[in-house]
C-alpha atoms as a PDB file:
ATOM      1  CA  UNK A   1      29.064 -18.829 -20.367  1.00  0.00           C
ATOM      2  CA  UNK A   2      25.463 -17.391 -21.256  1.00  0.00           C
ATOM      3  CA  UNK A   3      23.758 -20.228 -19.990  1.00  0.00           C
ATOM      4  CA  UNK A   4      25.972 -20.326 -16.907  1.00  0.00           C
ATOM      5  CA  UNK A   5      24.731 -16.699 -16.117  1.00  0.00           C
ATOM      6  CA  UNK A   6      20.971 -17.378 -16.927  1.00  0.00           C
ATOM      7  CA  UNK A   7      20.661 -20.230 -14.298  1.00  0.00           C
ATOM      8  CA  UNK A   8      22.611 -18.136 -11.645  1.00  0.00           C
ATOM      9  CA  UNK A   9      20.081 -15.405 -12.535  1.00  0.00           C
ATOM     10  CA  UNK A  10      17.182 -18.170 -12.007  1.00  0.00           C
ATOM     11  CA  UNK A  11      19.008 -19.465  -8.940  1.00  0.00           C
ATOM     12  CA  UNK A  12      18.714 -16.271  -7.382  1.00  0.00           C
ATOM     13  CA  UNK A  13      15.094 -15.538  -8.277  1.00  0.00           C
ATOM     14  CA  UNK A  14      14.223 -19.133  -6.498  1.00  0.00           C
ATOM     15  CA  UNK A  15      15.895 -17.987  -3.635  1.00  0.00           C
ATOM     16  CA  UNK A  16      13.938 -14.727  -3.601  1.00  0.00           C
ATOM     17  CA  UNK A  17      10.480 -16.151  -4.143  1.00  0.00           C
ATOM     18  CA  UNK A  18      11.063 -19.187  -1.458  1.00  0.00           C
ATOM     19  CA  UNK A  19      12.728 -16.761   0.910  1.00  0.00           C
ATOM     20  CA  UNK A  20       9.096 -15.333   1.682  1.00  0.00           C
ATOM     21  CA  UNK A  21       7.051 -18.341   2.797  1.00  0.00           C
ATOM     22  CA  UNK A  22       3.474 -17.094   3.196  1.00  0.00           C
ATOM     23  CA  UNK A  23       1.071 -14.369   2.723  1.00  0.00           C
ATOM     24  CA  UNK A  24       1.450 -13.646   6.948  1.00  0.00           C
ATOM     25  CA  UNK A  25       5.178 -13.357   5.961  1.00  0.00           C
ATOM     26  CA  UNK A  26       4.866 -10.853   3.340  1.00  0.00           C
ATOM     27  CA  UNK A  27       2.449  -9.030   5.588  1.00  0.00           C
ATOM     28  CA  UNK A  28       5.069  -8.788   8.648  1.00  0.00           C
ATOM     29  CA  UNK A  29       7.360  -7.662   6.153  1.00  0.00           C
ATOM     30  CA  UNK A  30       5.539  -4.948   4.436  1.00  0.00           C
ATOM     31  CA  UNK A  31       4.123  -3.799   7.801  1.00  0.00           C
ATOM     32  CA  UNK A  32       7.701  -3.788   9.350  1.00  0.00           C
ATOM     33  CA  UNK A  33       8.666  -1.417   6.237  1.00  0.00           C
ATOM     34  CA  UNK A  34       6.096   0.786   6.878  1.00  0.00           C
ATOM     35  CA  UNK A  35       6.540   1.370  10.413  1.00  0.00           C
ATOM     36  CA  UNK A  36      10.207   2.210   9.778  1.00  0.00           C
ATOM     37  CA  UNK A  37       9.695   4.344   6.537  1.00  0.00           C
ATOM     38  CA  UNK A  38       6.079   6.056   7.451  1.00  0.00           C
ATOM     39  CA  UNK A  39       5.726   6.886   3.724  1.00  0.00           C
ATOM     40  CA  UNK A  40       1.945   7.872   3.878  1.00  0.00           C
ATOM     41  CA  UNK A  41      -0.137  10.380   5.628  1.00  0.00           C
ATOM     42  CA  UNK A  42      -0.872  10.769   8.083  1.00  0.00           C
ATOM     43  CA  UNK A  43       1.759   9.001   9.566  1.00  0.00           C
ATOM     44  CA  UNK A  44       4.515  10.830   7.851  1.00  0.00           C
ATOM     45  CA  UNK A  45       3.276  14.108   9.364  1.00  0.00           C
ATOM     46  CA  UNK A  46       1.472  15.456   6.354  1.00  0.00           C
ATOM     47  CA  UNK A  47      -2.372  15.315   6.425  1.00  0.00           C
ATOM     48  CA  UNK A  48      -4.271  13.218   3.911  1.00  0.00           C
ATOM     49  CA  UNK A  49      -5.133  15.279   0.646  1.00  0.00           C
ATOM     50  CA  UNK A  50      -9.007  14.287   0.565  1.00  0.00           C
ATOM     51  CA  UNK A  51     -11.549  14.477   3.399  1.00  0.00           C
ATOM     52  CA  UNK A  52     -15.316  12.568   4.056  1.00  0.00           C
ATOM     53  CA  UNK A  53     -17.232  14.176   0.888  1.00  0.00           C
ATOM     54  CA  UNK A  54     -15.126  15.011  -1.268  1.00  0.00           C
ATOM     55  CA  UNK A  55     -15.403  14.365  -5.104  1.00  0.00           C
ATOM     56  CA  UNK A  56     -12.480  12.100  -6.506  1.00  0.00           C
ATOM     57  CA  UNK A  57     -11.425  10.298  -9.583  1.00  0.00           C
ATOM     58  CA  UNK A  58     -10.020   6.847  -8.875  1.00  0.00           C
ATOM     59  CA  UNK A  59      -7.428   5.424 -11.365  1.00  0.00           C
ATOM     60  CA  UNK A  60      -7.425   1.523 -11.103  1.00  0.00           C
ATOM     61  CA  UNK A  61      -4.231  -0.600 -11.955  1.00  0.00           C
ATOM     62  CA  UNK A  62      -5.225  -0.920 -15.531  1.00  0.00           C
ATOM     63  CA  UNK A  63      -5.708   2.973 -16.170  1.00  0.00           C
ATOM     64  CA  UNK A  64      -9.631   2.910 -15.762  1.00  0.00           C
ATOM     65  CA  UNK A  65     -11.227   5.916 -14.091  1.00  0.00           C
ATOM     66  CA  UNK A  66     -13.971   6.284 -11.940  1.00  0.00           C
ATOM     67  CA  UNK A  67     -15.542   9.562 -10.531  1.00  0.00           C
ATOM     68  CA  UNK A  68     -16.689   8.670  -6.744  1.00  0.00           C
ATOM     69  CA  UNK A  69     -16.654  10.424  -3.427  1.00  0.00           C
ATOM     70  CA  UNK A  70     -14.875   9.848  -0.032  1.00  0.00           C
ATOM     71  CA  UNK A  71     -17.199   7.910   2.512  1.00  0.00           C
ATOM     72  CA  UNK A  72     -14.741   7.209   4.972  1.00  0.00           C
ATOM     73  CA  UNK A  73     -11.024   6.159   6.339  1.00  0.00           C
ATOM     74  CA  UNK A  74      -9.674   2.728   6.533  1.00  0.00           C
ATOM     75  CA  UNK A  75      -9.139   2.193  10.006  1.00  0.00           C
ATOM     76  CA  UNK A  76      -5.977  -0.139  10.881  1.00  0.00           C
ATOM     77  CA  UNK A  77      -7.483  -3.302  13.142  1.00  0.00           C
ATOM     78  CA  UNK A  78      -4.100  -5.642  12.830  1.00  0.00           C
ATOM     79  CA  UNK A  79      -1.875  -6.405  10.402  1.00  0.00           C
ATOM     80  CA  UNK A  80      -2.656  -5.137   7.068  1.00  0.00           C
ATOM     81  CA  UNK A  81      -0.575  -4.756   3.857  1.00  0.00           C
ATOM     82  CA  UNK A  82      -3.587  -2.948   2.287  1.00  0.00           C
ATOM     83  CA  UNK A  83      -2.731   0.104   5.102  1.00  0.00           C
ATOM     84  CA  UNK A  84       0.958  -0.728   4.655  1.00  0.00           C
ATOM     85  CA  UNK A  85       0.975   0.117   1.140  1.00  0.00           C
ATOM     86  CA  UNK A  86      -0.658   3.258   1.705  1.00  0.00           C
ATOM     87  CA  UNK A  87      -4.654   2.827   1.586  1.00  0.00           C
ATOM     88  CA  UNK A  88      -6.370   4.942   3.324  1.00  0.00           C
ATOM     89  CA  UNK A  89      -9.932   6.084   1.559  1.00  0.00           C
ATOM     90  CA  UNK A  90     -13.133   4.189   1.233  1.00  0.00           C
ATOM     91  CA  UNK A  91     -15.034   5.043  -1.645  1.00  0.00           C
ATOM     92  CA  UNK A  92     -18.766   4.793  -2.794  1.00  0.00           C
ATOM     93  CA  UNK A  93     -17.886   2.502  -5.169  1.00  0.00           C
ATOM     94  CA  UNK A  94     -18.918  -1.173  -6.085  1.00  0.00           C
ATOM     95  CA  UNK A  95     -16.512  -2.346  -3.470  1.00  0.00           C
ATOM     96  CA  UNK A  96     -17.123   0.238  -0.479  1.00  0.00           C
ATOM     97  CA  UNK A  97     -14.755  -1.622   2.075  1.00  0.00           C
ATOM     98  CA  UNK A  98     -12.175  -1.780  -0.189  1.00  0.00           C
ATOM     99  CA  UNK A  99      -9.379   1.001   0.681  1.00  0.00           C
ATOM    100  CA  UNK A 100      -7.807   2.914  -1.992  1.00  0.00           C
ATOM    101  CA  UNK A 101      -4.398   4.797  -1.917  1.00  0.00           C
ATOM    102  CA  UNK A 102      -4.326   8.402  -2.211  1.00  0.00           C
ATOM    103  CA  UNK A 103      -1.614   8.258  -5.267  1.00  0.00           C
ATOM    104  CA  UNK A 104      -4.636   6.367  -6.953  1.00  0.00           C
ATOM    105  CA  UNK A 105      -7.017   9.615  -6.561  1.00  0.00           C
ATOM    106  CA  UNK A 106      -7.234  13.061  -7.857  1.00  0.00           C
ATOM    107  CA  UNK A 107      -9.712  15.962  -7.337  1.00  0.00           C
ATOM    108  CA  UNK A 108     -12.967  15.654  -9.098  1.00  0.00           C
ATOM    109  CA  UNK A 109     -15.787  17.920  -9.940  1.00  0.00           C
ATOM    110  CA  UNK A 110     -18.315  16.014  -8.562  1.00  0.00           C
ATOM    111  CA  UNK A 111     -19.685  12.411  -7.949  1.00  0.00           C
END
């Protein structure tokens, strides 16, 4: 019986993985989700927390923290998974073109 349940779970996972056929389909899906839910500022009616020139501490996905300044805002030019996931800020980092989300930032003293 346990083997049967395990096979059923694996079968369901396989269906979910195959349901999304490409990166483009993924971008379309999360963009539609963003457009429906509008979970991030400024689309949700709240202002962005930081402005250009603000010192911020950026925490990456591994927990490492870096002191930066906000240098600009990411502008949507088409379908963008980054934008749909909340990336709004550009920083004076080693990747100044890569936007980061507000949830990965907190106020910093200076940069």
